[in-house]
Amino acid sequence: MHCPQRHAFERVAQNLSRRITQGQFPPGRNLPSERELARQFQVNRLTVRAALDRLADQGLVRGDRMGTYPLPPGGAEGEPEPKAPVRPAPAFPGVVIDPDESAVATSWLQQHSLEPEESALLAARPGEASLVYHEQLLGHQGRVLQTSRTCLAPDLVRLVPQLGRLRTALHGLGGRGIPASLQDLPRWAARARVLLQPVPVGAGGAAARSLRDQYGRIQTHTTYLLPADSGHATADSGHSAECALGRSLSPVERAWLEAWALPGPRHGALALRACLILLSQEHSVPATARQLGLSIAQVTAWCARFRAGGLQALRPN
């Protein structure tokens, strides 16, 4: 018996949750596509997407550009998530340093007129107001390690519902800001059919980064400021103070990965993923991406999948 349409996503979420718990979908391996799930449950894809969002909020699944996959009990690391302090996710707005200590981010949002160069870059009208996101990375005793300022294109704010709600919350506050976190902005944008990708930066370009959509239009522009006495290497320097993988490989894992890393015509994708994990144990995400000719998003996604599902998560579906 079908539930009313307004409860359909809950029915789908409960069914998928049960199947994940029972092991029908192993950690790190993709769930069926939204289209296939919609066919199985006889609902539309928006209902499936709402169910997946519910599971993501519950910490059962995680999505990236390659699909949605289950997490092991306790999160991607196989253990309870730390409370605080936590290192901010590098996806957005990103870091240009490799902190050698536990760090915590504090962030806030404002709305004010863009500078002329920002308006030109983000295809905004001269003097048009938009959202500006500020983030500080704080280290020991509150020492500022990095400050970033991100301007959002007005078109992006109009397209992404979560940004629209934040803009409404800022209405009438003048130049004052509100506490906010935009670490999930790429996922929010993807739901609105805006696929954000990093604009390649050249040598010496680590102090400013941009994200563009699938049509090549700049949607976010971030500038970074480091204290003169920070003493930190940038995240684009060769060897990171912390490896991208975040943990050591077991002897068995290393043996399998080194075997898979041997290139072959039938397993080229598996060889590339094995090389990625091997390199990411020794290097930062940007350094691994640069050596393999991949994007930072791809390296981040496969490291997360390996932490979630181990060796099996790397095998082609």
C-alpha atoms as a PDB file:
ATOM      1  CA  MET A   1       0.000   0.000   0.000  1.00  0.00           C
ATOM      2  CA  HIS A   2       1.406   3.344  -1.039  1.00  0.00           C
ATOM      3  CA  CYS A   3       1.715   6.196   1.432  1.00  0.00           C
ATOM      4  CA  PRO A   4       0.332   9.622   0.498  1.00  0.00           C
ATOM      5  CA  GLN A   5       2.643  11.483  -1.861  1.00  0.00           C
ATOM      6  CA  ARG A   6       3.721  13.976   0.785  1.00  0.00           C
ATOM      7  CA  HIS A   7       5.087  11.046   2.848  1.00  0.00           C
ATOM      8  CA  ALA A   8       6.529   9.090  -0.080  1.00  0.00           C
ATOM      9  CA  PHE A   9      10.086  10.271   0.516  1.00  0.00           C
ATOM     10  CA  GLU A  10       9.929   9.013   4.111  1.00  0.00           C
ATOM     11  CA  ARG A  11       8.848   5.600   2.870  1.00  0.00           C
ATOM     12  CA  VAL A  12      11.762   5.522   0.402  1.00  0.00           C
ATOM     13  CA  ALA A  13      14.228   6.731   3.056  1.00  0.00           C
ATOM     14  CA  GLN A  14      13.087   4.087   5.559  1.00  0.00           C
ATOM     15  CA  ASN A  15      13.367   1.315   2.963  1.00  0.00           C
ATOM     16  CA  LEU A  16      16.854   2.370   1.875  1.00  0.00           C
ATOM     17  CA  SER A  17      17.952   2.815   5.498  1.00  0.00           C
ATOM     18  CA  ARG A  18      16.879  -0.738   6.297  1.00  0.00           C
ATOM     19  CA  ARG A  19      18.658  -2.157   3.247  1.00  0.00           C
ATOM     20  CA  ILE A  20      21.842  -0.248   4.089  1.00  0.00           C
ATOM     21  CA  THR A  21      21.732  -1.514   7.694  1.00  0.00           C
ATOM     22  CA  GLN A  22      21.227  -5.085   6.445  1.00  0.00           C
ATOM     23  CA  GLY A  23      24.285  -4.795   4.210  1.00  0.00           C
ATOM     24  CA  GLN A  24      22.537  -4.934   0.851  1.00  0.00           C
ATOM     25  CA  PHE A  25      24.426  -1.772  -0.121  1.00  0.00           C
ATOM     26  CA  PRO A  26      28.042  -1.964   1.158  1.00  0.00           C
ATOM     27  CA  PRO A  27      29.893   1.183   2.296  1.00  0.00           C
ATOM     28  CA  GLY A  28      31.651   3.091  -0.455  1.00  0.00           C
ATOM     29  CA  ARG A  29      29.754   1.471  -3.343  1.00  0.00           C
ATOM     30  CA  ASN A  30      27.191   3.520  -5.246  1.00  0.00           C
ATOM     31  CA  LEU A  31      23.492   3.175  -4.565  1.00  0.00           C
ATOM     32  CA  PRO A  32      21.322   2.667  -7.660  1.00  0.00           C
ATOM     33  CA  SER A  33      20.816   5.834  -9.692  1.00  0.00           C
ATOM     34  CA  GLU A  34      18.001   8.222  -8.884  1.00  0.00           C
ATOM     35  CA  ARG A  35      16.230   7.084 -12.049  1.00  0.00           C
ATOM     36  CA  GLU A  36      16.474   3.418 -11.042  1.00  0.00           C
ATOM     37  CA  LEU A  37      15.315   4.107  -7.483  1.00  0.00           C
ATOM     38  CA  ALA A  38      12.383   6.122  -8.814  1.00  0.00           C
ATOM     39  CA  ARG A  39      11.418   3.160 -10.975  1.00  0.00           C
ATOM     40  CA  GLN A  40      11.752   0.686  -8.089  1.00  0.00           C
ATOM     41  CA  PHE A  41       9.622   2.751  -5.705  1.00  0.00           C
ATOM     42  CA  GLN A  42       7.253   4.110  -8.383  1.00  0.00           C
ATOM     43  CA  VAL A  43       7.873   7.722  -7.374  1.00  0.00           C
ATOM     44  CA  ASN A  44       9.422  10.710  -9.131  1.00  0.00           C
ATOM     45  CA  ARG A  45      13.087  11.634  -8.913  1.00  0.00           C
ATOM     46  CA  LEU A  46      12.411  14.638  -6.671  1.00  0.00           C
ATOM     47  CA  THR A  47      10.964  12.234  -4.096  1.00  0.00           C
ATOM     48  CA  VAL A  48      14.060  10.030  -4.366  1.00  0.00           C
ATOM     49  CA  ARG A  49      16.308  13.073  -3.971  1.00  0.00           C
ATOM     50  CA  ALA A  50      14.433  14.150  -0.848  1.00  0.00           C
ATOM     51  CA  ALA A  51      14.861  10.633   0.593  1.00  0.00           C
ATOM     52  CA  LEU A  52      18.598  10.696  -0.113  1.00  0.00           C
ATOM     53  CA  ASP A  53      18.870  14.115   1.530  1.00  0.00           C
ATOM     54  CA  ARG A  54      17.148  12.666   4.613  1.00  0.00           C
ATOM     55  CA  LEU A  55      19.654   9.783   4.725  1.00  0.00           C
ATOM     56  CA  ALA A  56      22.553  12.228   4.284  1.00  0.00           C
ATOM     57  CA  ASP A  57      21.271  14.319   7.198  1.00  0.00           C
ATOM     58  CA  GLN A  58      21.173  11.118   9.284  1.00  0.00           C
ATOM     59  CA  GLY A  59      24.803  10.353   8.395  1.00  0.00           C
ATOM     60  CA  LEU A  60      23.936   7.159   6.487  1.00  0.00           C
ATOM     61  CA  VAL A  61      25.037   8.205   2.996  1.00  0.00           C
ATOM     62  CA  ARG A  62      27.218  10.767   1.293  1.00  0.00           C
ATOM     63  CA  GLY A  63      27.001  12.096  -2.246  1.00  0.00           C
ATOM     64  CA  ASP A  64      29.614  13.369  -4.664  1.00  0.00           C
ATOM     65  CA  ARG A  65      29.818  13.913  -8.414  1.00  0.00           C
ATOM     66  CA  MET A  66      30.090  10.177  -8.985  1.00  0.00           C
ATOM     67  CA  GLY A  67      26.914   9.272  -7.126  1.00  0.00           C
ATOM     68  CA  THR A  68      25.644   8.506  -3.626  1.00  0.00           C
ATOM     69  CA  TYR A  69      27.192   5.809  -1.437  1.00  0.00           C
ATOM     70  CA  PRO A  70      26.550   4.444   2.092  1.00  0.00           C
ATOM     71  CA  LEU A  71      28.854   5.242   4.994  1.00  0.00           C
ATOM     72  CA  PRO A  72      29.878   2.685   7.619  1.00  0.00           C
ATOM     73  CA  PRO A  73      28.365   2.968  11.105  1.00  0.00           C
ATOM     74  CA  GLY A  74      29.881   5.990  12.842  1.00  0.00           C
ATOM     75  CA  GLY A  75      30.669   7.940   9.645  1.00  0.00           C
ATOM     76  CA  ALA A  76      33.290   7.797   6.922  1.00  0.00           C
ATOM     77  CA  GLU A  77      36.124   6.981   9.298  1.00  0.00           C
ATOM     78  CA  GLY A  78      34.323   4.015  10.871  1.00  0.00           C
ATOM     79  CA  GLU A  79      34.187   5.737  14.259  1.00  0.00           C
ATOM     80  CA  PRO A  80      32.092   8.476  15.882  1.00  0.00           C
ATOM     81  CA  GLU A  81      32.503  11.928  14.390  1.00  0.00           C
ATOM     82  CA  PRO A  82      34.589  14.280  16.555  1.00  0.00           C
ATOM     83  CA  LYS A  83      32.640  16.954  18.387  1.00  0.00           C
ATOM     84  CA  ALA A  84      35.053  19.907  18.377  1.00  0.00           C
ATOM     85  CA  PRO A  85      37.387  21.228  17.356  1.00  0.00           C
ATOM     86  CA  VAL A  86      37.238  19.842  13.826  1.00  0.00           C
ATOM     87  CA  ARG A  87      39.186  20.695  10.725  1.00  0.00           C
ATOM     88  CA  PRO A  88      36.871  22.389   8.226  1.00  0.00           C
ATOM     89  CA  ALA A  89      36.030  20.492   5.072  1.00  0.00           C
ATOM     90  CA  PRO A  90      38.368  21.618   2.268  1.00  0.00           C
ATOM     91  CA  ALA A  91      35.647  21.573  -0.394  1.00  0.00           C
ATOM     92  CA  PHE A  92      34.409  25.132   0.153  1.00  0.00           C
ATOM     93  CA  PRO A  93      35.797  27.687   0.386  1.00  0.00           C
ATOM     94  CA  GLY A  94      38.990  25.664   0.770  1.00  0.00           C
ATOM     95  CA  VAL A  95      42.314  26.294   2.454  1.00  0.00           C
ATOM     96  CA  VAL A  96      45.670  27.519   1.170  1.00  0.00           C
ATOM     97  CA  ILE A  97      47.590  26.299   4.209  1.00  0.00           C
ATOM     98  CA  ASP A  98      48.310  22.950   5.815  1.00  0.00           C
ATOM     99  CA  PRO A  99      47.745  23.578   9.540  1.00  0.00           C
ATOM    100  CA  ASP A 100      50.012  21.474  11.730  1.00  0.00           C
ATOM    101  CA  GLU A 101      47.481  21.494  14.566  1.00  0.00           C
ATOM    102  CA  SER A 102      43.794  20.945  15.153  1.00  0.00           C
ATOM    103  CA  ALA A 103      41.889  23.898  13.736  1.00  0.00           C
ATOM    104  CA  VAL A 104      38.333  25.135  13.854  1.00  0.00           C
ATOM    105  CA  ALA A 105      36.507  27.438  11.445  1.00  0.00           C
ATOM    106  CA  THR A 106      34.328  30.371  12.378  1.00  0.00           C
ATOM    107  CA  SER A 107      32.244  31.901   9.589  1.00  0.00           C
ATOM    108  CA  TRP A 108      29.618  34.544   8.930  1.00  0.00           C
ATOM    109  CA  LEU A 109      27.607  35.944   6.041  1.00  0.00           C
ATOM    110  CA  GLN A 110      26.895  39.506   4.947  1.00  0.00           C
ATOM    111  CA  GLN A 111      25.063  41.209   2.104  1.00  0.00           C
ATOM    112  CA  HIS A 112      26.467  44.355   0.542  1.00  0.00           C
ATOM    113  CA  SER A 113      27.416  45.883  -2.782  1.00  0.00           C
ATOM    114  CA  LEU A 114      30.163  44.185  -4.736  1.00  0.00           C
ATOM    115  CA  GLU A 115      33.350  45.971  -5.701  1.00  0.00           C
ATOM    116  CA  PRO A 116      33.588  46.926  -9.427  1.00  0.00           C
ATOM    117  CA  GLU A 117      36.107  44.166 -10.204  1.00  0.00           C
ATOM    118  CA  GLU A 118      33.960  41.631  -8.352  1.00  0.00           C
ATOM    119  CA  SER A 119      30.855  42.708 -10.248  1.00  0.00           C
ATOM    120  CA  ALA A 120      32.667  42.275 -13.560  1.00  0.00           C
ATOM    121  CA  LEU A 121      34.004  38.837 -12.601  1.00  0.00           C
ATOM    122  CA  LEU A 122      30.624  37.542 -11.374  1.00  0.00           C
ATOM    123  CA  ALA A 123      28.540  39.031 -14.204  1.00  0.00           C
ATOM    124  CA  ALA A 124      26.697  41.330 -11.770  1.00  0.00           C
ATOM    125  CA  ARG A 125      25.381  44.826 -12.430  1.00  0.00           C
ATOM    126  CA  PRO A 126      27.677  47.618 -11.207  1.00  0.00           C
ATOM    127  CA  GLY A 127      27.019  48.198  -7.520  1.00  0.00           C
ATOM    128  CA  GLU A 128      24.639  45.231  -7.262  1.00  0.00           C
ATOM    129  CA  ALA A 129      24.384  43.724  -3.768  1.00  0.00           C
ATOM    130  CA  SER A 130      25.082  40.044  -3.185  1.00  0.00           C
ATOM    131  CA  LEU A 131      26.104  37.631  -0.454  1.00  0.00           C
ATOM    132  CA  VAL A 132      29.671  37.766   0.847  1.00  0.00           C
ATOM    133  CA  TYR A 133      30.905  34.856   2.963  1.00  0.00           C
ATOM    134  CA  HIS A 134      33.717  35.269   5.487  1.00  0.00           C
ATOM    135  CA  GLU A 135      35.608  32.442   7.176  1.00  0.00           C
ATOM    136  CA  GLN A 136      38.469  32.388   9.674  1.00  0.00           C
ATOM    137  CA  LEU A 137      40.528  29.304  10.422  1.00  0.00           C
ATOM    138  CA  LEU A 138      41.555  29.447  14.063  1.00  0.00           C
ATOM    139  CA  GLY A 139      44.356  27.510  15.720  1.00  0.00           C
ATOM    140  CA  HIS A 140      45.748  27.234  19.240  1.00  0.00           C
ATOM    141  CA  GLN A 141      44.416  29.886  21.657  1.00  0.00           C
ATOM    142  CA  GLY A 142      42.341  31.423  18.882  1.00  0.00           C
ATOM    143  CA  ARG A 143      45.309  32.370  16.687  1.00  0.00           C
ATOM    144  CA  VAL A 144      44.112  33.234  13.173  1.00  0.00           C
ATOM    145  CA  LEU A 145      45.706  30.894  10.633  1.00  0.00           C
ATOM    146  CA  GLN A 146      43.801  31.981   7.537  1.00  0.00           C
ATOM    147  CA  THR A 147      41.038  34.404   6.580  1.00  0.00           C
ATOM    148  CA  SER A 148      38.958  34.060   3.433  1.00  0.00           C
ATOM    149  CA  ARG A 149      36.361  36.285   1.749  1.00  0.00           C
ATOM    150  CA  THR A 150      34.042  34.762  -0.857  1.00  0.00           C
ATOM    151  CA  CYS A 151      31.739  36.758  -3.122  1.00  0.00           C
ATOM    152  CA  LEU A 152      28.763  34.875  -4.580  1.00  0.00           C
ATOM    153  CA  ALA A 153      27.282  35.674  -7.969  1.00  0.00           C
ATOM    154  CA  PRO A 154      23.761  37.135  -7.680  1.00  0.00           C
ATOM    155  CA  ASP A 155      22.541  34.557 -10.226  1.00  0.00           C
ATOM    156  CA  LEU A 156      23.780  31.745  -7.958  1.00  0.00           C
ATOM    157  CA  VAL A 157      21.944  33.252  -4.979  1.00  0.00           C
ATOM    158  CA  ARG A 158      18.736  33.363  -7.022  1.00  0.00           C
ATOM    159  CA  LEU A 159      19.076  29.770  -8.203  1.00  0.00           C
ATOM    160  CA  VAL A 160      20.007  28.040  -4.926  1.00  0.00           C
ATOM    161  CA  PRO A 161      17.101  27.967  -2.409  1.00  0.00           C
ATOM    162  CA  GLN A 162      19.337  27.752   0.665  1.00  0.00           C
ATOM    163  CA  LEU A 163      21.149  30.934  -0.384  1.00  0.00           C
ATOM    164  CA  GLY A 164      17.838  32.648  -1.022  1.00  0.00           C
ATOM    165  CA  ARG A 165      16.714  31.873   2.527  1.00  0.00           C
ATOM    166  CA  LEU A 166      19.961  33.248   3.922  1.00  0.00           C
ATOM    167  CA  ARG A 167      19.544  36.418   1.877  1.00  0.00           C
ATOM    168  CA  THR A 168      16.048  36.802   3.321  1.00  0.00           C
ATOM    169  CA  ALA A 169      17.450  36.377   6.839  1.00  0.00           C
ATOM    170  CA  LEU A 170      19.890  39.228   6.146  1.00  0.00           C
ATOM    171  CA  HIS A 171      17.187  41.565   4.876  1.00  0.00           C
ATOM    172  CA  GLY A 172      16.978  44.718   6.948  1.00  0.00           C
ATOM    173  CA  LEU A 173      20.248  44.135   8.810  1.00  0.00           C
ATOM    174  CA  GLY A 174      22.191  46.695   6.796  1.00  0.00           C
ATOM    175  CA  GLY A 175      25.827  45.692   6.694  1.00  0.00           C
ATOM    176  CA  ARG A 176      25.608  43.443   9.733  1.00  0.00           C
ATOM    177  CA  GLY A 177      26.234  39.731   9.275  1.00  0.00           C
ATOM    178  CA  ILE A 178      24.858  36.491  10.657  1.00  0.00           C
ATOM    179  CA  PRO A 179      26.682  33.277  11.637  1.00  0.00           C
ATOM    180  CA  ALA A 180      26.483  30.818   8.745  1.00  0.00           C
ATOM    181  CA  SER A 181      28.321  27.904   7.184  1.00  0.00           C
ATOM    182  CA  LEU A 182      28.497  27.375   3.418  1.00  0.00           C
ATOM    183  CA  GLN A 183      30.617  24.220   3.459  1.00  0.00           C
ATOM    184  CA  ASP A 184      27.754  22.394   1.717  1.00  0.00           C
ATOM    185  CA  LEU A 185      27.421  24.990  -1.048  1.00  0.00           C
ATOM    186  CA  PRO A 186      28.596  22.669  -3.885  1.00  0.00           C
ATOM    187  CA  ARG A 187      25.956  20.104  -2.835  1.00  0.00           C
ATOM    188  CA  TRP A 188      23.251  22.771  -2.546  1.00  0.00           C
ATOM    189  CA  ALA A 189      24.163  24.069  -5.997  1.00  0.00           C
ATOM    190  CA  ALA A 190      24.125  20.570  -7.504  1.00  0.00           C
ATOM    191  CA  ARG A 191      20.537  20.112  -6.312  1.00  0.00           C
ATOM    192  CA  ALA A 192      19.675  23.303  -8.186  1.00  0.00           C
ATOM    193  CA  ARG A 193      21.373  21.903 -11.323  1.00  0.00           C
ATOM    194  CA  VAL A 194      24.414  24.151 -10.957  1.00  0.00           C
ATOM    195  CA  LEU A 195      27.611  22.081 -11.097  1.00  0.00           C
ATOM    196  CA  LEU A 196      30.423  24.039  -9.494  1.00  0.00           C
ATOM    197  CA  GLN A 197      33.978  23.253 -10.567  1.00  0.00           C
ATOM    198  CA  PRO A 198      37.273  24.901  -9.589  1.00  0.00           C
ATOM    199  CA  VAL A 199      38.900  27.248 -12.047  1.00  0.00           C
ATOM    200  CA  PRO A 200      42.519  26.119 -12.556  1.00  0.00           C
ATOM    201  CA  VAL A 201      45.025  28.381 -10.791  1.00  0.00           C
ATOM    202  CA  GLY A 202      48.472  29.048 -12.132  1.00  0.00           C
ATOM    203  CA  ALA A 203      51.734  29.316 -10.245  1.00  0.00           C
ATOM    204  CA  GLY A 204      51.457  31.837  -7.459  1.00  0.00           C
ATOM    205  CA  GLY A 205      47.668  31.940  -7.793  1.00  0.00           C
ATOM    206  CA  ALA A 206      46.867  30.316  -4.454  1.00  0.00           C
ATOM    207  CA  ALA A 207      45.746  33.611  -2.877  1.00  0.00           C
ATOM    208  CA  ALA A 208      42.538  33.697  -4.949  1.00  0.00           C
ATOM    209  CA  ARG A 209      40.331  30.907  -6.267  1.00  0.00           C
ATOM    210  CA  SER A 210      37.068  30.746  -8.172  1.00  0.00           C
ATOM    211  CA  LEU A 211      34.358  28.201  -8.911  1.00  0.00           C
ATOM    212  CA  ARG A 212      32.559  28.179 -12.249  1.00  0.00           C
ATOM    213  CA  ASP A 213      29.404  26.432 -13.410  1.00  0.00           C
ATOM    214  CA  GLN A 214      29.010  23.932 -16.237  1.00  0.00           C
ATOM    215  CA  TYR A 215      28.678  26.824 -18.693  1.00  0.00           C
ATOM    216  CA  GLY A 216      31.984  28.396 -17.687  1.00  0.00           C
ATOM    217  CA  ARG A 217      30.466  31.307 -15.736  1.00  0.00           C
ATOM    218  CA  ILE A 218      32.247  32.331 -12.519  1.00  0.00           C
ATOM    219  CA  GLN A 219      29.835  31.810  -9.600  1.00  0.00           C
ATOM    220  CA  THR A 220      32.091  32.293  -6.562  1.00  0.00           C
ATOM    221  CA  HIS A 221      35.355  34.152  -6.037  1.00  0.00           C
ATOM    222  CA  THR A 222      37.430  33.675  -2.895  1.00  0.00           C
ATOM    223  CA  THR A 223      40.424  35.688  -1.729  1.00  0.00           C
ATOM    224  CA  TYR A 224      42.661  34.431   1.092  1.00  0.00           C
ATOM    225  CA  LEU A 225      44.732  36.335   3.621  1.00  0.00           C
ATOM    226  CA  LEU A 226      47.451  34.767   5.776  1.00  0.00           C
ATOM    227  CA  PRO A 227      48.957  36.484   8.831  1.00  0.00           C
ATOM    228  CA  ALA A 228      52.528  37.604   8.276  1.00  0.00           C
ATOM    229  CA  ASP A 229      53.699  35.338  11.119  1.00  0.00           C
ATOM    230  CA  SER A 230      51.648  32.294  10.152  1.00  0.00           C
ATOM    231  CA  GLY A 231      54.701  30.204   9.258  1.00  0.00           C
ATOM    232  CA  HIS A 232      52.557  27.705   7.358  1.00  0.00           C
ATOM    233  CA  ALA A 233      53.288  26.247   3.971  1.00  0.00           C
ATOM    234  CA  THR A 234      50.551  26.602   1.392  1.00  0.00           C
ATOM    235  CA  ALA A 235      48.417  23.601   0.541  1.00  0.00           C
ATOM    236  CA  ASP A 236      49.910  23.568  -2.949  1.00  0.00           C
ATOM    237  CA  SER A 237      53.415  22.931  -1.692  1.00  0.00           C
ATOM    238  CA  GLY A 238      54.860  19.504  -2.392  1.00  0.00           C
ATOM    239  CA  HIS A 239      54.573  17.412   0.761  1.00  0.00           C
ATOM    240  CA  SER A 240      51.700  18.169   3.115  1.00  0.00           C
ATOM    241  CA  ALA A 241      51.981  18.207   6.871  1.00  0.00           C
ATOM    242  CA  GLU A 242      48.963  15.904   6.791  1.00  0.00           C
ATOM    243  CA  CYS A 243      48.322  13.353   4.046  1.00  0.00           C
ATOM    244  CA  ALA A 244      45.112  13.507   2.035  1.00  0.00           C
ATOM    245  CA  LEU A 245      44.038  10.003   3.074  1.00  0.00           C
ATOM    246  CA  GLY A 246      44.205  10.819   6.773  1.00  0.00           C
ATOM    247  CA  ARG A 247      45.294   7.365   7.938  1.00  0.00           C
ATOM    248  CA  SER A 248      47.963   4.725   7.331  1.00  0.00           C
ATOM    249  CA  LEU A 249      47.443   1.792   4.996  1.00  0.00           C
ATOM    250  CA  SER A 250      47.545  -1.724   6.375  1.00  0.00           C
ATOM    251  CA  PRO A 251      50.103  -4.132   4.818  1.00  0.00           C
ATOM    252  CA  VAL A 252      47.279  -6.024   3.098  1.00  0.00           C
ATOM    253  CA  GLU A 253      45.768  -2.836   1.671  1.00  0.00           C
ATOM    254  CA  ARG A 254      49.137  -1.657   0.399  1.00  0.00           C
ATOM    255  CA  ALA A 255      49.847  -5.023  -1.245  1.00  0.00           C
ATOM    256  CA  TRP A 256      46.514  -5.016  -3.095  1.00  0.00           C
ATOM    257  CA  LEU A 257      46.865  -1.381  -4.140  1.00  0.00           C
ATOM    258  CA  GLU A 258      50.382  -1.869  -5.463  1.00  0.00           C
ATOM    259  CA  ALA A 259      49.175  -4.871  -7.475  1.00  0.00           C
ATOM    260  CA  TRP A 260      46.240  -2.926  -8.890  1.00  0.00           C
ATOM    261  CA  ALA A 261      48.457   0.062  -9.704  1.00  0.00           C
ATOM    262  CA  LEU A 262      50.137  -1.940 -12.466  1.00  0.00           C
ATOM    263  CA  PRO A 263      48.447  -0.575 -15.622  1.00  0.00           C
ATOM    264  CA  GLY A 264      46.439  -2.934 -17.773  1.00  0.00           C
ATOM    265  CA  PRO A 265      43.964  -2.479 -20.632  1.00  0.00           C
ATOM    266  CA  ARG A 266      41.062  -4.022 -18.693  1.00  0.00           C
ATOM    267  CA  HIS A 267      41.609  -2.336 -15.345  1.00  0.00           C
ATOM    268  CA  GLY A 268      42.871   1.138 -16.173  1.00  0.00           C
ATOM    269  CA  ALA A 269      40.342   2.843 -13.896  1.00  0.00           C
ATOM    270  CA  LEU A 270      41.201   0.576 -10.971  1.00  0.00           C
ATOM    271  CA  ALA A 271      44.929   1.193 -11.509  1.00  0.00           C
ATOM    272  CA  LEU A 272      44.357   4.951 -11.445  1.00  0.00           C
ATOM    273  CA  ARG A 273      42.328   4.726  -8.219  1.00  0.00           C
ATOM    274  CA  ALA A 274      44.989   2.553  -6.609  1.00  0.00           C
ATOM    275  CA  CYS A 275      47.684   5.080  -7.546  1.00  0.00           C
ATOM    276  CA  LEU A 276      45.506   7.835  -6.133  1.00  0.00           C
ATOM    277  CA  ILE A 277      45.191   6.146  -2.732  1.00  0.00           C
ATOM    278  CA  LEU A 278      48.888   5.263  -2.589  1.00  0.00           C
ATOM    279  CA  LEU A 279      49.910   8.829  -3.396  1.00  0.00           C
ATOM    280  CA  SER A 280      47.335  10.361  -1.068  1.00  0.00           C
ATOM    281  CA  GLN A 281      48.903   8.606   1.908  1.00  0.00           C
ATOM    282  CA  GLU A 282      52.070  10.630   1.391  1.00  0.00           C
ATOM    283  CA  HIS A 283      50.864  13.884  -0.186  1.00  0.00           C
ATOM    284  CA  SER A 284      48.195  16.552   0.185  1.00  0.00           C
ATOM    285  CA  VAL A 285      45.046  16.588  -1.937  1.00  0.00           C
ATOM    286  CA  PRO A 286      46.353  19.308  -4.332  1.00  0.00           C
ATOM    287  CA  ALA A 287      49.712  17.548  -4.736  1.00  0.00           C
ATOM    288  CA  THR A 288      48.021  14.195  -5.445  1.00  0.00           C
ATOM    289  CA  ALA A 289      45.648  15.800  -7.933  1.00  0.00           C
ATOM    290  CA  ARG A 290      48.525  17.566  -9.680  1.00  0.00           C
ATOM    291  CA  GLN A 291      50.615  14.391 -10.042  1.00  0.00           C
ATOM    292  CA  LEU A 292      47.718  12.381 -11.506  1.00  0.00           C
ATOM    293  CA  GLY A 293      46.195  15.139 -13.621  1.00  0.00           C
ATOM    294  CA  LEU A 294      42.891  14.949 -11.705  1.00  0.00           C
ATOM    295  CA  SER A 295      40.742  17.578 -10.050  1.00  0.00           C
ATOM    296  CA  ILE A 296      40.863  18.239  -6.320  1.00  0.00           C
ATOM    297  CA  ALA A 297      37.196  17.181  -6.153  1.00  0.00           C
ATOM    298  CA  GLN A 298      38.004  13.756  -7.675  1.00  0.00           C
ATOM    299  CA  VAL A 299      40.851  13.094  -5.243  1.00  0.00           C
ATOM    300  CA  THR A 300      38.743  14.184  -2.277  1.00  0.00           C
ATOM    301  CA  ALA A 301      35.837  11.995  -3.378  1.00  0.00           C
ATOM    302  CA  TRP A 302      37.902   8.821  -3.853  1.00  0.00           C
ATOM    303  CA  CYS A 303      39.721   9.284  -0.551  1.00  0.00           C
ATOM    304  CA  ALA A 304      36.335   9.577   1.154  1.00  0.00           C
ATOM    305  CA  ARG A 305      35.082   6.452  -0.609  1.00  0.00           C
ATOM    306  CA  PHE A 306      38.166   4.484   0.395  1.00  0.00           C
ATOM    307  CA  ARG A 307      37.803   5.561   4.019  1.00  0.00           C
ATOM    308  CA  ALA A 308      34.143   4.525   3.876  1.00  0.00           C
ATOM    309  CA  GLY A 309      34.412   1.174   2.106  1.00  0.00           C
ATOM    310  CA  GLY A 310      38.061   0.146   1.909  1.00  0.00           C
ATOM    311  CA  LEU A 311      39.412  -1.729  -1.084  1.00  0.00           C
ATOM    312  CA  GLN A 312      35.983  -2.816  -2.307  1.00  0.00           C
ATOM    313  CA  ALA A 313      34.938   0.816  -2.775  1.00  0.00           C
ATOM    314  CA  LEU A 314      37.579   1.204  -5.514  1.00  0.00           C
ATOM    315  CA  ARG A 315      36.390  -1.678  -7.675  1.00  0.00           C
ATOM    316  CA  PRO A 316      34.346  -0.722 -10.749  1.00  0.00           C
ATOM    317  CA  ASN A 317      30.623  -1.314 -10.250  1.00  0.00           C
END
